[in-house]
Amino acid sequence: MSDYDAIVIGAGMGGLTAGALLAKRGRKVLDCATPLDFERRLLLPEGAIYALQQDLPAQAMFRPSAKSKSIRGLYLTGSSTHPGGGVPSVIGSGVIAAKLIEQNEG
């Protein structure tokens, strides 16, 4: 990542939000996908507000956190991560990821 402060992989609203917030704060961001990529790769026409799973184990507190526990420098956004699905929550996941990136990656 020597040329970029953050690389956004995925076209979801959360990733776009995180990238936009980081860029607005002067970070150099590379966006590696478009909404069309998201639709094609995940077979989710126009997105799915509650991701791929809607049962209890996939609800808010059980979703993956924004910062990966096993891969250094990996931050997650979108309806599959905490705080969950729906436009406000997905945008919130981008805000959470952007703050974590600033705190942890300098």
C-alpha atoms as a PDB file:
ATOM      1  CA  MET A   1       0.000   0.000   0.000  1.00  0.00           C
ATOM      2  CA  SER A   2       2.935   2.344  -0.440  1.00  0.00           C
ATOM      3  CA  ASP A   3       1.103   4.566  -2.930  1.00  0.00           C
ATOM      4  CA  TYR A   4      -2.177   4.676  -1.010  1.00  0.00           C
ATOM      5  CA  ASP A   5      -3.290   5.222   2.563  1.00  0.00           C
ATOM      6  CA  ALA A   6      -6.294   2.943   2.000  1.00  0.00           C
ATOM      7  CA  ILE A   7      -7.514   0.562  -0.681  1.00  0.00           C
ATOM      8  CA  VAL A   8     -11.282   0.090  -0.814  1.00  0.00           C
ATOM      9  CA  ILE A   9     -12.228  -3.308  -2.231  1.00  0.00           C
ATOM     10  CA  GLY A  10     -15.941  -3.712  -2.729  1.00  0.00           C
ATOM     11  CA  ALA A  11     -18.613  -1.475  -4.071  1.00  0.00           C
ATOM     12  CA  GLY A  12     -20.964  -1.425  -1.141  1.00  0.00           C
ATOM     13  CA  MET A  13     -22.228   1.780   0.427  1.00  0.00           C
ATOM     14  CA  GLY A  14     -20.052   1.238   3.512  1.00  0.00           C
ATOM     15  CA  GLY A  15     -16.851   0.931   1.508  1.00  0.00           C
ATOM     16  CA  LEU A  16     -17.700   3.971  -0.552  1.00  0.00           C
ATOM     17  CA  THR A  17     -18.476   5.926   2.627  1.00  0.00           C
ATOM     18  CA  ALA A  18     -15.189   4.925   4.263  1.00  0.00           C
ATOM     19  CA  GLY A  19     -13.243   5.845   1.130  1.00  0.00           C
ATOM     20  CA  ALA A  20     -14.988   9.202   0.773  1.00  0.00           C
ATOM     21  CA  LEU A  21     -14.408  10.128   4.426  1.00  0.00           C
ATOM     22  CA  LEU A  22     -10.739   9.179   4.254  1.00  0.00           C
ATOM     23  CA  ALA A  23     -10.247  11.099   0.991  1.00  0.00           C
ATOM     24  CA  LYS A  24     -11.999  14.135   2.454  1.00  0.00           C
ATOM     25  CA  ARG A  25      -9.519  14.002   5.338  1.00  0.00           C
ATOM     26  CA  GLY A  26      -6.586  14.099   2.930  1.00  0.00           C
ATOM     27  CA  ARG A  27      -5.893  10.372   2.612  1.00  0.00           C
ATOM     28  CA  LYS A  28      -5.010   8.868  -0.768  1.00  0.00           C
ATOM     29  CA  VAL A  29      -7.646   6.206  -1.478  1.00  0.00           C
ATOM     30  CA  LEU A  30      -7.853   3.594  -4.235  1.00  0.00           C
ATOM     31  CA  ASP A  31     -11.357   2.278  -4.982  1.00  0.00           C
ATOM     32  CA  CYS A  32     -11.154  -1.161  -6.608  1.00  0.00           C
ATOM     33  CA  ALA A  33     -14.785  -1.875  -7.466  1.00  0.00           C
ATOM     34  CA  THR A  34     -18.038  -0.396  -8.720  1.00  0.00           C
ATOM     35  CA  PRO A  35     -21.663  -1.204  -7.908  1.00  0.00           C
ATOM     36  CA  LEU A  36     -21.741  -3.307 -11.072  1.00  0.00           C
ATOM     37  CA  ASP A  37     -18.800  -5.369  -9.749  1.00  0.00           C
ATOM     38  CA  PHE A  38     -20.678  -5.917  -6.476  1.00  0.00           C
ATOM     39  CA  GLU A  39     -23.753  -7.101  -8.354  1.00  0.00           C
ATOM     40  CA  ARG A  40     -21.773  -9.454 -10.590  1.00  0.00           C
ATOM     41  CA  ARG A  41     -19.477 -10.954  -7.931  1.00  0.00           C
ATOM     42  CA  LEU A  42     -22.050 -11.536  -5.209  1.00  0.00           C
ATOM     43  CA  LEU A  43     -25.124 -12.070  -7.378  1.00  0.00           C
ATOM     44  CA  LEU A  44     -26.990  -9.397  -5.411  1.00  0.00           C
ATOM     45  CA  PRO A  45     -28.979  -7.337  -7.916  1.00  0.00           C
ATOM     46  CA  GLU A  46     -29.107  -3.786  -6.577  1.00  0.00           C
ATOM     47  CA  GLY A  47     -27.706  -5.078  -3.270  1.00  0.00           C
ATOM     48  CA  ALA A  48     -29.427  -6.867  -0.426  1.00  0.00           C
ATOM     49  CA  ILE A  49     -30.056  -4.689   2.630  1.00  0.00           C
ATOM     50  CA  TYR A  50     -29.597  -7.521   5.119  1.00  0.00           C
ATOM     51  CA  ALA A  51     -26.777  -9.292   3.279  1.00  0.00           C
ATOM     52  CA  LEU A  52     -26.839 -12.990   2.555  1.00  0.00           C
ATOM     53  CA  GLN A  53     -28.168 -14.258   5.864  1.00  0.00           C
ATOM     54  CA  GLN A  54     -31.060 -13.002   8.008  1.00  0.00           C
ATOM     55  CA  ASP A  55     -31.217 -15.410  10.961  1.00  0.00           C
ATOM     56  CA  LEU A  56     -30.216 -14.719  14.587  1.00  0.00           C
ATOM     57  CA  PRO A  57     -26.479 -15.566  14.245  1.00  0.00           C
ATOM     58  CA  ALA A  58     -26.222 -12.921  11.515  1.00  0.00           C
ATOM     59  CA  GLN A  59     -27.810 -10.089  13.501  1.00  0.00           C
ATOM     60  CA  ALA A  60     -26.097  -6.933  14.801  1.00  0.00           C
ATOM     61  CA  MET A  61     -23.929  -8.074  17.708  1.00  0.00           C
ATOM     62  CA  PHE A  62     -23.010 -11.344  16.007  1.00  0.00           C
ATOM     63  CA  ARG A  63     -21.794  -9.748  12.767  1.00  0.00           C
ATOM     64  CA  PRO A  64     -18.063  -9.388  12.101  1.00  0.00           C
ATOM     65  CA  SER A  65     -16.541  -6.201  13.497  1.00  0.00           C
ATOM     66  CA  ALA A  66     -15.118  -3.512  11.221  1.00  0.00           C
ATOM     67  CA  LYS A  67     -11.493  -4.443  12.057  1.00  0.00           C
ATOM     68  CA  SER A  68     -10.330  -7.947  11.176  1.00  0.00           C
ATOM     69  CA  LYS A  69      -8.974  -9.891  14.107  1.00  0.00           C
ATOM     70  CA  SER A  70      -6.850 -12.138  11.907  1.00  0.00           C
ATOM     71  CA  ILE A  71      -5.618 -10.012   8.965  1.00  0.00           C
ATOM     72  CA  ARG A  72      -3.594  -6.913   9.811  1.00  0.00           C
ATOM     73  CA  GLY A  73      -4.816  -3.821   7.987  1.00  0.00           C
ATOM     74  CA  LEU A  74      -8.114  -5.372   6.845  1.00  0.00           C
ATOM     75  CA  TYR A  75     -11.230  -3.346   7.634  1.00  0.00           C
ATOM     76  CA  LEU A  76     -14.752  -4.448   6.766  1.00  0.00           C
ATOM     77  CA  THR A  77     -17.853  -2.472   5.829  1.00  0.00           C
ATOM     78  CA  GLY A  78     -21.305  -3.233   4.548  1.00  0.00           C
ATOM     79  CA  SER A  79     -24.501  -4.981   5.488  1.00  0.00           C
ATOM     80  CA  SER A  80     -22.722  -8.211   6.486  1.00  0.00           C
ATOM     81  CA  THR A  81     -20.692  -6.430   9.178  1.00  0.00           C
ATOM     82  CA  HIS A  82     -21.574  -4.635  12.402  1.00  0.00           C
ATOM     83  CA  PRO A  83     -23.852  -2.656  12.811  1.00  0.00           C
ATOM     84  CA  GLY A  84     -25.892  -4.407  10.105  1.00  0.00           C
ATOM     85  CA  GLY A  85     -28.094  -3.914   7.077  1.00  0.00           C
ATOM     86  CA  GLY A  86     -30.087  -0.987   5.813  1.00  0.00           C
ATOM     87  CA  VAL A  87     -28.729   2.213   4.330  1.00  0.00           C
ATOM     88  CA  PRO A  88     -28.101   4.114   7.608  1.00  0.00           C
ATOM     89  CA  SER A  89     -26.325   1.136   9.214  1.00  0.00           C
ATOM     90  CA  VAL A  90     -24.232   0.465   6.134  1.00  0.00           C
ATOM     91  CA  ILE A  91     -23.164   4.113   5.948  1.00  0.00           C
ATOM     92  CA  GLY A  92     -22.400   3.867   9.661  1.00  0.00           C
ATOM     93  CA  SER A  93     -20.167   0.857   8.996  1.00  0.00           C
ATOM     94  CA  GLY A  94     -18.144   3.022   6.599  1.00  0.00           C
ATOM     95  CA  VAL A  95     -17.814   5.765   9.209  1.00  0.00           C
ATOM     96  CA  ILE A  96     -16.700   3.200  11.811  1.00  0.00           C
ATOM     97  CA  ALA A  97     -14.127   1.700   9.422  1.00  0.00           C
ATOM     98  CA  ALA A  98     -12.754   5.123   8.450  1.00  0.00           C
ATOM     99  CA  LYS A  99     -12.269   6.054  12.124  1.00  0.00           C
ATOM    100  CA  LEU A 100     -10.579   2.744  12.877  1.00  0.00           C
ATOM    101  CA  ILE A 101      -8.250   3.142   9.890  1.00  0.00           C
ATOM    102  CA  GLU A 102      -7.240   6.603  11.083  1.00  0.00           C
ATOM    103  CA  GLN A 103      -6.696   5.359  14.656  1.00  0.00           C
ATOM    104  CA  ASN A 104      -4.782   2.207  13.779  1.00  0.00           C
ATOM    105  CA  GLU A 105      -2.978   2.954  10.546  1.00  0.00           C
ATOM    106  CA  GLY A 106      -1.737   6.435  11.390  1.00  0.00           C
END
